[in-house]
Amino acid sequence: MNIIVKNNYLYIGEFRLKCAIGKGGIKKNKIEGDGSTPRGIFKIGKLFYRQDRVSRPECLLKTIQIRKNFKWCDDYRSKYYNKLIRSNKKDKFSFENLHRADFKYNYIILIEYNYPKPVKKKGSAIFIHLTKTYKPTRGCITLRKKDFIILCKLITNKTKIRII
């Protein structure tokens, strides 16, 4: 079953789920830092979750427990650009902490945009993650927790997301 994202709604099967997208809208030619959500068809990657806060959802995706040292590199100058890094040291490059103080990354699904072989400056760290307010993002797609759980039950490692 595939996902369609259009006009701040995520469609999967019979479900129409309200979502938020990037504050820059949806763009075909996304670049790092523009705040847009990339237009196109992409594979769905792994599901990351905070076991210290939430249980593993019912899901057929490969799952990874988020550890305190998990970061996602969003610095195109790094050889780890648009990749998961595990590091306890202070890094000289920019990154997203996956082990956040707030709830937003309690669950994350990777959207395989500009991944696994990233093109520098094309954009990074595009996820489906949690929201309570539907405020525009820096490029990710957000859902309320109850809708995220529904999504997890319906997707597999063959699911694709079409953002239009």
Protein backbone atom coordinates (compact mmCIF):
# COMPACT_ATOMS: atom_id res chain seq x y z
CA MET A 1 0.00 0.00 0.00
CA ASN A 2 1.42 3.37 -1.01
CA ILE A 3 1.16 6.80 0.61
CA ILE A 4 0.11 10.05 -1.10
CA VAL A 5 0.75 13.46 0.48
CA LYS A 6 -1.25 16.33 -0.99
CA ASN A 7 -2.63 19.62 0.41
CA ASN A 8 -1.66 18.89 4.04
CA TYR A 9 -3.25 15.45 4.01
CA LEU A 10 -1.66 12.03 3.94
CA TYR A 11 -3.71 9.36 2.15
CA ILE A 12 -3.19 5.66 2.68
CA GLY A 13 -5.82 3.07 1.84
CA GLU A 14 -9.17 4.33 3.12
CA PHE A 15 -7.53 6.78 5.52
CA ARG A 16 -7.19 10.54 5.07
CA LEU A 17 -4.87 11.85 7.79
CA LYS A 18 -4.20 15.53 8.44
CA CYS A 19 -0.48 16.32 8.29
CA ALA A 20 1.95 19.21 8.13
CA ILE A 21 4.62 19.77 5.49
CA GLY A 22 7.56 22.12 5.09
CA LYS A 23 7.05 25.86 5.58
CA GLY A 24 8.49 26.33 2.07
CA GLY A 25 5.76 24.16 0.54
CA ILE A 26 6.45 21.23 -1.78
CA LYS A 27 9.27 21.71 -4.29
CA LYS A 28 10.66 19.59 -7.10
CA ASN A 29 14.13 21.14 -6.77
CA LYS A 30 14.65 21.07 -3.01
CA ILE A 31 17.91 22.40 -1.59
CA GLU A 32 19.35 22.13 1.91
CA GLY A 33 17.83 24.63 4.31
CA ASP A 34 14.98 25.89 2.08
CA GLY A 35 12.30 24.53 4.43
CA SER A 36 10.49 22.72 1.64
CA THR A 37 9.23 19.16 1.41
CA PRO A 38 10.57 17.36 -1.68
CA ARG A 39 8.13 16.55 -4.50
CA GLY A 40 8.41 13.06 -5.96
CA ILE A 41 8.07 9.36 -5.25
CA PHE A 42 10.37 7.93 -2.58
CA LYS A 43 10.94 4.68 -0.72
CA ILE A 44 10.11 4.46 2.95
CA GLY A 45 13.05 3.60 5.17
CA LYS A 46 13.42 2.35 8.71
CA LEU A 47 11.29 3.24 11.70
CA PHE A 48 13.19 4.75 14.63
CA TYR A 49 11.59 4.98 18.07
CA ARG A 50 12.34 6.01 21.66
CA GLN A 51 11.91 2.83 23.69
CA ASP A 52 12.30 4.83 26.92
CA ARG A 53 9.09 6.76 26.03
CA VAL A 54 6.96 4.69 23.66
CA SER A 55 6.49 1.07 22.73
CA ARG A 56 7.49 -0.38 19.39
CA PRO A 57 4.48 0.11 17.14
CA GLU A 58 2.90 -2.72 15.20
CA CYS A 59 4.83 -2.35 11.96
CA LEU A 60 6.47 -4.43 9.24
CA LEU A 61 9.34 -1.97 8.75
CA LYS A 62 12.76 -2.66 10.19
CA THR A 63 12.88 -0.83 13.52
CA ILE A 64 15.75 0.77 15.40
CA GLN A 65 15.68 2.01 18.97
CA ILE A 66 16.95 5.61 19.20
CA ARG A 67 19.95 5.89 21.51
CA LYS A 68 21.26 9.04 23.20
CA ASN A 69 24.12 9.31 20.71
CA PHE A 70 21.98 9.08 17.52
CA LYS A 71 22.27 12.04 15.17
CA TRP A 72 21.37 12.64 11.53
CA CYS A 73 23.96 14.68 9.63
CA ASP A 74 22.47 17.63 7.72
CA ASP A 75 25.78 19.31 6.89
CA TYR A 76 26.69 18.89 3.21
CA ARG A 77 30.40 19.50 4.06
CA SER A 78 30.53 16.22 5.99
CA LYS A 79 31.20 12.79 4.51
CA TYR A 80 28.24 11.66 6.64
CA TYR A 81 25.77 14.03 4.93
CA ASN A 82 22.21 12.68 5.12
CA LYS A 83 23.26 9.66 7.15
CA LEU A 84 22.73 8.36 10.68
CA ILE A 85 25.73 8.95 12.93
CA ARG A 86 26.37 7.51 16.35
CA SER A 87 28.57 9.91 18.28
CA ASN A 88 28.95 11.06 21.88
CA LYS A 89 31.47 13.77 21.09
CA LYS A 90 30.85 17.37 20.08
CA ASP A 91 30.77 17.26 16.29
CA LYS A 92 32.07 20.10 14.14
CA PHE A 93 29.33 19.55 11.58
CA SER A 94 25.61 20.32 11.79
CA PHE A 95 23.22 17.50 12.65
CA GLU A 96 19.74 16.69 13.97
CA ASN A 97 19.69 15.05 17.40
CA LEU A 98 17.35 12.08 17.14
CA HIS A 99 17.28 11.71 20.94
CA ARG A 100 15.37 14.95 21.59
CA ALA A 101 14.00 16.46 24.78
CA ASP A 102 10.56 16.96 23.18
CA PHE A 103 8.21 14.29 21.83
CA LYS A 104 8.55 14.99 18.09
CA TYR A 105 11.09 12.25 17.41
CA ASN A 106 9.57 9.59 19.68
CA TYR A 107 8.69 7.95 16.36
CA ILE A 108 10.44 8.69 13.05
CA ILE A 109 10.13 7.07 9.64
CA LEU A 110 12.87 7.89 7.17
CA ILE A 111 11.73 9.12 3.77
CA GLU A 112 14.49 8.00 1.43
CA TYR A 113 14.88 11.34 -0.30
CA ASN A 114 18.48 12.02 -1.43
CA TYR A 115 19.39 8.73 0.21
CA PRO A 116 21.40 6.42 0.40
CA LYS A 117 23.80 8.18 -2.00
CA PRO A 118 23.22 11.84 -1.18
CA VAL A 119 23.97 14.71 -3.53
CA LYS A 120 25.54 17.60 -1.60
CA LYS A 121 23.15 20.51 -0.86
CA LYS A 122 20.10 18.63 -2.23
CA GLY A 123 18.48 18.21 1.20
CA SER A 124 18.63 15.87 4.16
CA ALA A 125 16.86 14.52 7.23
CA ILE A 126 13.42 14.20 5.64
CA PHE A 127 11.27 12.21 8.03
CA ILE A 128 7.70 11.46 8.98
CA HIS A 129 7.51 12.33 12.67
CA LEU A 130 5.10 13.49 15.36
CA THR A 131 3.25 16.77 15.93
CA LYS A 132 0.52 18.14 18.15
CA THR A 133 -0.02 21.45 16.35
CA TYR A 134 0.45 20.86 12.59
CA LYS A 135 2.85 23.82 12.41
CA PRO A 136 4.88 23.84 9.18
CA THR A 137 8.19 21.97 9.38
CA ARG A 138 11.69 22.44 7.95
CA GLY A 139 10.81 19.85 5.27
CA CYS A 140 9.46 16.83 7.12
CA ILE A 141 5.91 15.49 7.18
CA THR A 142 4.25 15.35 10.59
CA LEU A 143 1.29 13.44 11.99
CA ARG A 144 -0.44 13.15 15.33
CA LYS A 145 0.62 10.07 17.28
CA LYS A 146 -2.68 8.20 16.77
CA ASP A 147 -2.41 8.71 13.00
CA PHE A 148 1.26 7.72 12.98
CA ILE A 149 0.27 4.41 14.63
CA ILE A 150 -2.38 3.82 11.96
CA LEU A 151 0.19 4.52 9.24
CA CYS A 152 2.66 2.06 10.79
CA LYS A 153 0.11 -0.75 10.65
CA LEU A 154 -0.45 -0.23 6.91
CA ILE A 155 3.06 0.15 5.50
CA THR A 156 5.81 -2.30 4.59
CA ASN A 157 9.36 -2.05 3.29
CA LYS A 158 7.84 -1.97 -0.22
CA THR A 159 5.68 1.09 0.50
CA LYS A 160 6.44 4.25 -1.44
CA ILE A 161 5.44 7.79 -0.63
CA ARG A 162 4.27 10.13 -3.39
CA ILE A 163 4.47 13.80 -2.44
CA ILE A 164 2.56 16.06 -4.86
